[in-house]
Amino acid sequence: MAYAVGDVATLSELQEFYRGNKVDTTVIELMNQTNDILDHVPFRESNTTAGHETRVRTGLPEIYFRRLYRGTPLSKSQYSRVVEGIGMLEGRSEIDVKEKELYGAAFGAYRASEGKAFMEALRQKAATLFFYGDHAKNADEFDGFATRYNDIHNPHVIDASEFTYGSNSEDEEDGEGETGLTSMYLVAWGGDTVSGIFPKLSVGGLKHTDLGSYTTSDIEGRKFEVYGDLWSWNLGLCVRDWRSVVRICNIKTKYLANTLTGTLANINGSETKVSSTREDGWINLKDLTIIAKSKIPAGMRNRAVWYCNPQVLAGLEIQSSDTKNVHLHYGEYFGVQNVPAIHSRPVFECECITNNEEKVTAGGSYPEKSE
């Protein structure tokens, strides 16, 4: 293959890693993220190799009054066919075999370190796709939650700007096109509601393949030997019941903590004065989360889990520090201690949920309610 700058490690980078006891060669993983959603998604095998085909009930049979000596008209239910797609994620690494000859046992440490980086990159990509995947923009992606729930007329999309008080409730872009908007997502996982999928007749999960040594070519076509590694993950998102997800959108990030008197550093690093009253952008997270929870059907609520980014999580906890608010507590969920829970539903952190979402307005697509 032809190599470009940045595709492979340079000699100076390798020398820095292999310097042994002269420096601490432990790599500090500053690029790692917390994306708890990946620990919760229940994966199931799809019924086709390209995706998962399912049927969704869209209408019930008509019911009639019966009369003596009169028949009853025939009726039947209505349904629609839905096909969920699967994306194929891959990462590939090649290292010149001469590196092993030059650095001996240290070569394995470098290769293992690169493996950790590739696995983290795959995890971050997968988590991002679960929220922001958009098949219409990129045919190789599957649709994520933000793409599916992108219309404020959707009964399971709640516009936070309607619960934001004061003169700062307008959502306007700054000079660089940053909106400062984010969302919270309530998801009721389950095989009959929403789950991850992997291709039929395959094994789910992140996979590493040691390709061993083989011959490749440089940019000028000259041959040399490398050790190769391949990381792959085939996955998709299947929302069988659209009622199992609720999105609270258009949350103005920099006003999230406007519940206690003082100052708060906003997303641009400057300070914003905050107030304990309902003014200057105060966001009523308590009411928003209650309304969202109530939209999940009763039989699914015990499975529902909240996902938000660190800024929203901090806003929830700051608002709950007010003695008048007792809707948030801490417990153990999915084997994790001290998880915040709002209205008895755990709240988990996902750094992949951005603070620069597009403002959700009318005009998106969403499932129609059955009449």
Protein backbone atom coordinates (compact mmCIF):
# COMPACT_ATOMS: atom_id res chain seq x y z
CA MET A 1 0.00 0.00 0.00
CA ALA A 2 1.07 3.63 -0.44
CA TYR A 3 1.83 5.45 2.81
CA ALA A 4 1.07 9.09 3.58
CA VAL A 5 2.41 11.30 6.36
CA GLY A 6 0.78 10.30 9.66
CA ASP A 7 -0.30 6.81 8.51
CA VAL A 8 2.65 5.06 10.13
CA ALA A 9 5.00 5.83 13.02
CA THR A 10 8.09 7.86 12.19
CA LEU A 11 11.57 6.75 13.32
CA SER A 12 11.73 9.61 15.84
CA GLU A 13 8.38 8.55 17.33
CA LEU A 14 9.56 4.97 17.66
CA GLN A 15 12.85 6.07 19.19
CA GLU A 16 10.93 8.10 21.77
CA PHE A 17 8.82 5.07 22.70
CA TYR A 18 11.76 2.65 22.82
CA ARG A 19 14.05 4.74 25.01
CA GLY A 20 13.58 2.19 27.78
CA ASN A 21 14.48 3.18 31.31
CA LYS A 22 15.63 6.65 30.29
CA VAL A 23 12.03 7.86 30.42
CA ASP A 24 8.68 6.56 31.62
CA THR A 25 7.30 4.89 28.47
CA THR A 26 3.81 4.52 29.92
CA VAL A 27 1.41 6.28 27.55
CA ILE A 28 -1.10 8.57 29.29
CA GLU A 29 -4.38 7.98 27.44
CA LEU A 30 -5.60 11.58 27.22
CA MET A 31 -7.73 10.73 24.19
CA ASN A 32 -9.86 8.14 26.03
CA GLN A 33 -13.52 8.94 26.60
CA THR A 34 -16.26 7.79 28.93
CA ASN A 35 -19.07 6.36 26.81
CA ASP A 36 -21.12 4.16 29.14
CA ILE A 37 -23.65 3.32 26.43
CA LEU A 38 -21.28 0.69 25.04
CA ASP A 39 -21.53 -1.28 28.29
CA HIS A 40 -25.34 -1.37 28.14
CA VAL A 41 -26.31 -2.12 24.54
CA PRO A 42 -27.79 -5.65 24.28
CA PHE A 43 -26.61 -7.08 20.96
CA ARG A 44 -28.54 -9.63 18.93
CA GLU A 45 -27.80 -11.48 15.71
CA SER A 46 -29.62 -9.98 12.74
CA ASN A 47 -31.76 -12.12 10.44
CA THR A 48 -29.81 -11.16 7.30
CA THR A 49 -26.12 -10.59 6.60
CA ALA A 50 -26.74 -6.99 5.51
CA GLY A 51 -29.05 -5.89 8.31
CA HIS A 52 -32.12 -6.75 10.35
CA GLU A 53 -35.61 -6.97 8.85
CA THR A 54 -38.55 -6.53 11.19
CA ARG A 55 -42.25 -5.72 11.08
CA VAL A 56 -43.91 -2.95 13.05
CA ARG A 57 -47.64 -2.91 13.81
CA THR A 58 -49.11 0.33 12.47
CA GLY A 59 -52.84 -0.31 12.85
CA LEU A 60 -55.30 -2.55 14.72
CA PRO A 61 -58.22 -4.51 13.20
CA GLU A 62 -61.60 -2.78 13.11
CA ILE A 63 -64.09 -4.03 15.74
CA TYR A 64 -67.84 -4.02 15.06
CA PHE A 65 -71.11 -4.47 16.95
CA ARG A 66 -72.78 -7.80 16.20
CA ARG A 67 -76.51 -8.02 15.40
CA LEU A 68 -78.77 -11.03 15.41
CA TYR A 69 -78.91 -12.69 12.02
CA ARG A 70 -76.32 -10.30 10.67
CA GLY A 71 -72.70 -11.07 9.87
CA THR A 72 -69.56 -9.19 10.93
CA PRO A 73 -67.34 -7.48 8.32
CA LEU A 74 -63.82 -8.81 7.90
CA SER A 75 -60.90 -6.74 9.18
CA LYS A 76 -57.18 -7.10 9.79
CA SER A 77 -54.28 -5.25 11.32
CA GLN A 78 -51.76 -3.17 9.39
CA TYR A 79 -48.00 -3.31 9.63
CA SER A 80 -44.95 -1.90 7.91
CA ARG A 81 -41.64 -3.55 7.01
CA VAL A 82 -38.50 -1.97 8.45
CA VAL A 83 -34.92 -2.84 7.50
CA GLU A 84 -32.13 -1.73 9.86
CA GLY A 85 -28.65 -1.37 8.41
CA ILE A 86 -25.26 -2.52 9.71
CA GLY A 87 -21.99 -0.60 9.49
CA MET A 88 -18.55 -2.20 9.14
CA LEU A 89 -15.86 -0.40 11.14
CA GLU A 90 -12.19 -1.22 10.59
CA GLY A 91 -8.75 0.01 11.57
CA ARG A 92 -5.47 -1.33 10.15
CA SER A 93 -1.89 -0.99 11.36
CA GLU A 94 1.39 -2.01 9.71
CA ILE A 95 4.85 -1.93 11.27
CA ASP A 96 8.10 -2.63 9.43
CA VAL A 97 9.56 -6.01 10.45
CA LYS A 98 12.93 -4.30 10.94
CA GLU A 99 11.51 -2.68 14.05
CA LYS A 100 11.42 -6.06 15.76
CA GLU A 101 15.05 -6.73 14.82
CA LEU A 102 16.16 -3.33 16.08
CA TYR A 103 14.24 -3.18 19.36
CA GLY A 104 13.61 -6.80 20.33
CA ALA A 105 11.18 -7.32 23.23
CA ALA A 106 10.24 -3.63 23.32
CA PHE A 107 8.61 -4.10 19.92
CA GLY A 108 5.78 -6.09 21.53
CA ALA A 109 5.09 -3.30 24.01
CA TYR A 110 4.78 -0.76 21.22
CA ARG A 111 2.47 -3.02 19.23
CA ALA A 112 0.28 -3.62 22.30
CA SER A 113 0.15 0.11 23.00
CA GLU A 114 -1.04 0.77 19.46
CA GLY A 115 -3.68 -1.92 19.92
CA LYS A 116 -5.14 -0.10 22.92
CA ALA A 117 -5.36 3.08 20.87
CA PHE A 118 -7.13 1.34 17.98
CA MET A 119 -9.67 -0.29 20.31
CA GLU A 120 -10.44 3.03 21.99
CA ALA A 121 -10.86 4.69 18.58
CA LEU A 122 -13.31 1.97 17.53
CA ARG A 123 -15.28 2.35 20.77
CA GLN A 124 -15.54 6.12 20.32
CA LYS A 125 -16.62 5.71 16.70
CA ALA A 126 -19.28 3.15 17.65
CA ALA A 127 -20.64 5.31 20.48
CA THR A 128 -20.82 8.32 18.18
CA LEU A 129 -22.72 6.30 15.56
CA PHE A 130 -25.31 5.20 18.13
CA PHE A 131 -26.24 8.87 18.53
CA TYR A 132 -25.27 10.61 15.30
CA GLY A 133 -25.03 7.98 12.57
CA ASP A 134 -26.81 9.22 9.43
CA HIS A 135 -27.32 6.82 6.52
CA ALA A 136 -28.64 9.62 4.29
CA LYS A 137 -25.38 11.58 4.63
CA ASN A 138 -23.07 8.55 4.59
CA ALA A 139 -24.34 5.34 3.03
CA ASP A 140 -21.92 3.27 5.12
CA GLU A 141 -23.47 4.42 8.43
CA PHE A 142 -26.59 3.31 10.26
CA ASP A 143 -29.03 5.84 11.70
CA GLY A 144 -28.45 6.91 15.31
CA PHE A 145 -30.87 8.30 17.88
CA ALA A 146 -30.37 11.96 16.93
CA THR A 147 -31.09 11.17 13.28
CA ARG A 148 -34.24 9.17 14.08
CA TYR A 149 -35.62 11.67 16.62
CA ASN A 150 -35.05 14.95 14.80
CA ASP A 151 -38.46 16.67 14.66
CA ILE A 152 -40.03 18.62 17.51
CA HIS A 153 -43.44 17.39 16.32
CA ASN A 154 -42.38 13.85 17.15
CA PRO A 155 -44.21 13.03 20.41
CA HIS A 156 -40.99 11.56 21.80
CA VAL A 157 -38.89 14.67 21.14
CA ILE A 158 -39.05 17.38 23.82
CA ASP A 159 -37.84 20.89 23.05
CA ALA A 160 -35.84 22.13 26.07
CA SER A 161 -36.10 25.74 24.88
CA GLU A 162 -39.75 25.68 25.99
CA PHE A 163 -38.51 24.99 29.52
CA THR A 164 -35.73 27.60 29.46
CA TYR A 165 -36.55 30.87 31.21
CA GLY A 166 -35.37 34.44 30.69
CA SER A 167 -33.87 36.49 27.91
CA ASN A 168 -31.12 33.99 27.08
CA SER A 169 -33.41 31.25 25.85
CA GLU A 170 -32.69 32.05 22.20
CA ASP A 171 -30.41 29.52 20.47
CA GLU A 172 -28.15 31.47 18.15
CA GLU A 173 -24.89 30.46 16.51
CA ASP A 174 -21.73 32.25 17.48
CA GLY A 175 -19.26 33.63 14.97
CA GLU A 176 -17.78 30.17 14.35
CA GLY A 177 -21.11 28.45 13.79
CA GLU A 178 -21.15 26.84 17.25
CA THR A 179 -24.66 26.40 18.60
CA GLY A 180 -23.87 25.28 22.15
CA LEU A 181 -26.82 22.87 21.99
CA THR A 182 -26.95 19.33 23.33
CA SER A 183 -29.47 16.60 24.19
CA MET A 184 -30.39 14.00 26.77
CA TYR A 185 -31.57 10.57 25.63
CA LEU A 186 -33.76 8.14 27.59
CA VAL A 187 -33.47 4.60 26.19
CA ALA A 188 -35.36 1.46 27.25
CA TRP A 189 -33.11 -1.37 26.07
CA GLY A 190 -34.54 -4.77 25.14
CA GLY A 191 -34.97 -7.27 22.34
CA ASP A 192 -38.50 -6.01 21.64
CA THR A 193 -37.66 -2.30 21.99
CA VAL A 194 -34.15 -1.15 21.00
CA SER A 195 -30.91 -3.11 20.71
CA GLY A 196 -27.65 -3.41 18.86
CA ILE A 197 -27.33 -5.88 15.97
CA PHE A 198 -24.51 -7.75 14.26
CA PRO A 199 -24.60 -9.68 10.92
CA LYS A 200 -26.24 -13.08 10.66
CA LEU A 201 -23.89 -16.07 11.07
CA SER A 202 -21.13 -13.89 12.52
CA VAL A 203 -19.75 -13.19 15.99
CA GLY A 204 -20.63 -9.87 17.61
CA GLY A 205 -18.20 -7.50 19.25
CA LEU A 206 -14.90 -5.82 18.60
CA LYS A 207 -12.46 -8.19 16.89
CA HIS A 208 -8.67 -8.12 16.53
CA THR A 209 -6.86 -10.15 13.86
CA ASP A 210 -3.09 -10.60 13.91
CA LEU A 211 -2.25 -10.64 10.21
CA GLY A 212 1.32 -11.78 10.85
CA SER A 213 4.07 -10.72 8.47
CA TYR A 214 3.51 -10.12 4.77
CA THR A 215 4.87 -8.13 1.84
CA THR A 216 3.58 -4.67 1.03
CA SER A 217 4.75 -1.73 -1.09
CA ASP A 218 5.85 1.81 -0.38
CA ILE A 219 4.59 4.87 -2.24
CA GLU A 220 7.03 4.17 -5.08
CA GLY A 221 5.99 0.52 -5.43
CA ARG A 222 9.08 -0.99 -3.76
CA LYS A 223 8.47 -4.13 -1.69
CA PHE A 224 9.18 -4.64 2.02
CA GLU A 225 7.89 -6.78 4.90
CA VAL A 226 5.54 -5.63 7.67
CA TYR A 227 3.63 -6.98 10.63
CA GLY A 228 -0.06 -6.24 10.26
CA ASP A 229 -2.95 -5.88 12.69
CA LEU A 230 -6.63 -5.49 11.82
CA TRP A 231 -9.34 -4.28 14.22
CA SER A 232 -12.98 -4.59 13.13
CA TRP A 233 -16.48 -4.21 14.49
CA ASN A 234 -19.67 -4.89 12.51
CA LEU A 235 -22.66 -3.37 14.25
CA GLY A 236 -25.94 -1.55 13.84
CA LEU A 237 -28.84 -0.11 15.82
CA CYS A 238 -32.33 -1.62 15.70
CA VAL A 239 -35.22 0.44 17.10
CA ARG A 240 -38.16 -1.98 16.96
CA ASP A 241 -40.46 0.19 19.06
CA TRP A 242 -40.00 3.96 18.59
CA ARG A 243 -41.79 4.58 21.90
CA SER A 244 -38.79 3.14 23.77
CA VAL A 245 -36.64 6.26 23.21
CA VAL A 246 -37.16 9.89 24.24
CA ARG A 247 -34.90 12.79 23.30
CA ILE A 248 -34.72 16.09 25.17
CA CYS A 249 -33.16 18.39 22.57
CA ASN A 250 -32.08 22.04 22.20
CA ILE A 251 -30.48 22.18 25.67
CA LYS A 252 -28.40 25.38 25.87
CA THR A 253 -25.20 24.05 27.41
CA LYS A 254 -23.77 27.20 28.95
CA TYR A 255 -26.88 27.82 31.08
CA LEU A 256 -27.16 24.31 32.50
CA ALA A 257 -26.10 25.27 36.02
CA ASN A 258 -28.24 28.39 36.36
CA THR A 259 -29.77 27.34 39.66
CA LEU A 260 -27.25 28.56 42.23
CA THR A 261 -26.03 32.11 42.70
CA GLY A 262 -22.45 32.53 41.54
CA THR A 263 -20.48 32.12 38.31
CA LEU A 264 -20.10 29.23 35.90
CA ALA A 265 -17.45 28.76 33.22
CA ASN A 266 -19.30 28.28 29.95
CA ILE A 267 -18.22 26.22 26.97
CA ASN A 268 -16.02 29.02 25.63
CA GLY A 269 -14.03 29.30 28.86
CA SER A 270 -15.46 32.65 29.98
CA GLU A 271 -17.61 33.11 33.07
CA THR A 272 -21.36 33.59 33.17
CA LYS A 273 -23.27 34.91 36.15
CA VAL A 274 -25.92 32.47 37.31
CA SER A 275 -28.99 33.01 39.43
CA SER A 276 -31.11 30.94 41.80
CA THR A 277 -34.32 32.23 40.20
CA ARG A 278 -36.03 31.39 36.94
CA GLU A 279 -34.28 33.97 34.81
CA ASP A 280 -31.32 34.39 32.48
CA GLY A 281 -31.51 31.01 30.78
CA TRP A 282 -32.52 28.83 33.71
CA ILE A 283 -33.30 25.31 32.36
CA ASN A 284 -35.93 23.29 34.21
CA LEU A 285 -34.26 19.87 34.00
CA LYS A 286 -36.54 18.46 36.68
CA ASP A 287 -39.73 19.04 34.69
CA LEU A 288 -38.10 18.00 31.42
CA THR A 289 -36.99 14.62 32.77
CA ILE A 290 -40.36 13.93 34.41
CA ILE A 291 -42.19 14.57 31.13
CA ALA A 292 -39.69 12.43 29.20
CA LYS A 293 -39.99 9.51 31.64
CA SER A 294 -43.77 9.63 31.39
CA LYS A 295 -43.63 9.23 27.60
CA ILE A 296 -42.03 5.78 27.90
CA PRO A 297 -44.81 3.13 28.13
CA ALA A 298 -45.22 1.80 31.69
CA GLY A 299 -44.04 -1.70 30.77
CA MET A 300 -40.71 -0.33 29.47
CA ARG A 301 -39.87 2.26 32.13
CA ASN A 302 -38.04 -0.14 34.44
CA ARG A 303 -35.51 -0.68 31.62
CA ALA A 304 -35.02 2.99 30.75
CA VAL A 305 -31.57 4.57 31.13
CA TRP A 306 -30.53 8.21 30.68
CA TYR A 307 -27.50 9.24 28.58
CA CYS A 308 -26.01 12.74 28.57
CA ASN A 309 -22.64 14.45 28.30
CA PRO A 310 -20.58 15.68 31.30
CA GLN A 311 -22.01 19.21 31.15
CA VAL A 312 -25.62 18.01 31.39
CA LEU A 313 -24.71 15.57 34.17
CA ALA A 314 -23.07 18.41 36.12
CA GLY A 315 -26.17 20.55 35.58
CA LEU A 316 -28.41 17.80 36.93
CA GLU A 317 -26.27 17.36 40.03
CA ILE A 318 -25.99 21.10 40.68
CA GLN A 319 -29.73 21.58 40.36
CA SER A 320 -30.27 18.64 42.71
CA SER A 321 -27.98 20.18 45.34
CA ASP A 322 -30.80 22.65 45.99
CA THR A 323 -32.55 21.43 49.15
CA LYS A 324 -35.90 21.94 47.41
CA ASN A 325 -35.01 19.35 44.78
CA VAL A 326 -34.86 15.74 45.96
CA HIS A 327 -35.44 14.01 42.63
CA LEU A 328 -31.84 12.80 42.19
CA HIS A 329 -30.11 10.13 44.28
CA TYR A 330 -27.18 7.72 43.90
CA GLY A 331 -27.23 3.94 43.62
CA GLU A 332 -25.69 0.87 41.96
CA TYR A 333 -26.62 0.08 38.36
CA PHE A 334 -25.02 -2.39 35.94
CA GLY A 335 -22.51 -3.21 38.69
CA VAL A 336 -21.31 0.40 38.95
CA GLN A 337 -21.37 2.18 42.33
CA ASN A 338 -22.55 5.75 43.01
CA VAL A 339 -24.43 6.18 39.75
CA PRO A 340 -26.75 9.24 39.82
CA ALA A 341 -30.40 8.36 39.24
CA ILE A 342 -33.16 10.82 38.44
CA HIS A 343 -36.71 9.69 39.23
CA SER A 344 -35.22 6.21 39.86
CA ARG A 345 -33.70 6.00 36.36
CA PRO A 346 -29.86 5.89 36.20
CA VAL A 347 -27.98 8.65 34.39
CA PHE A 348 -24.81 7.64 32.53
CA GLU A 349 -22.15 9.77 30.90
CA CYS A 350 -21.36 9.77 27.18
CA GLU A 351 -18.69 12.20 26.07
CA CYS A 352 -19.55 11.51 22.44
CA ILE A 353 -22.78 13.53 22.87
CA THR A 354 -21.65 16.90 21.60
CA ASN A 355 -22.38 20.46 22.66
CA ASN A 356 -22.80 21.49 19.04
CA GLU A 357 -25.90 19.66 17.87
CA GLU A 358 -28.02 21.17 15.14
CA LYS A 359 -31.13 22.88 16.47
CA VAL A 360 -34.08 20.49 16.23
CA THR A 361 -37.06 22.09 14.51
CA ALA A 362 -40.10 20.91 12.57
CA GLY A 363 -39.58 19.09 9.31
CA GLY A 364 -37.67 15.95 10.28
CA SER A 365 -38.98 12.42 9.91
CA TYR A 366 -40.60 10.47 12.70
CA PRO A 367 -42.98 7.51 13.18
CA GLU A 368 -46.65 8.35 12.81
CA LYS A 369 -49.01 7.51 15.65
CA SER A 370 -51.57 4.84 14.88
CA GLU A 371 -55.09 6.22 14.52
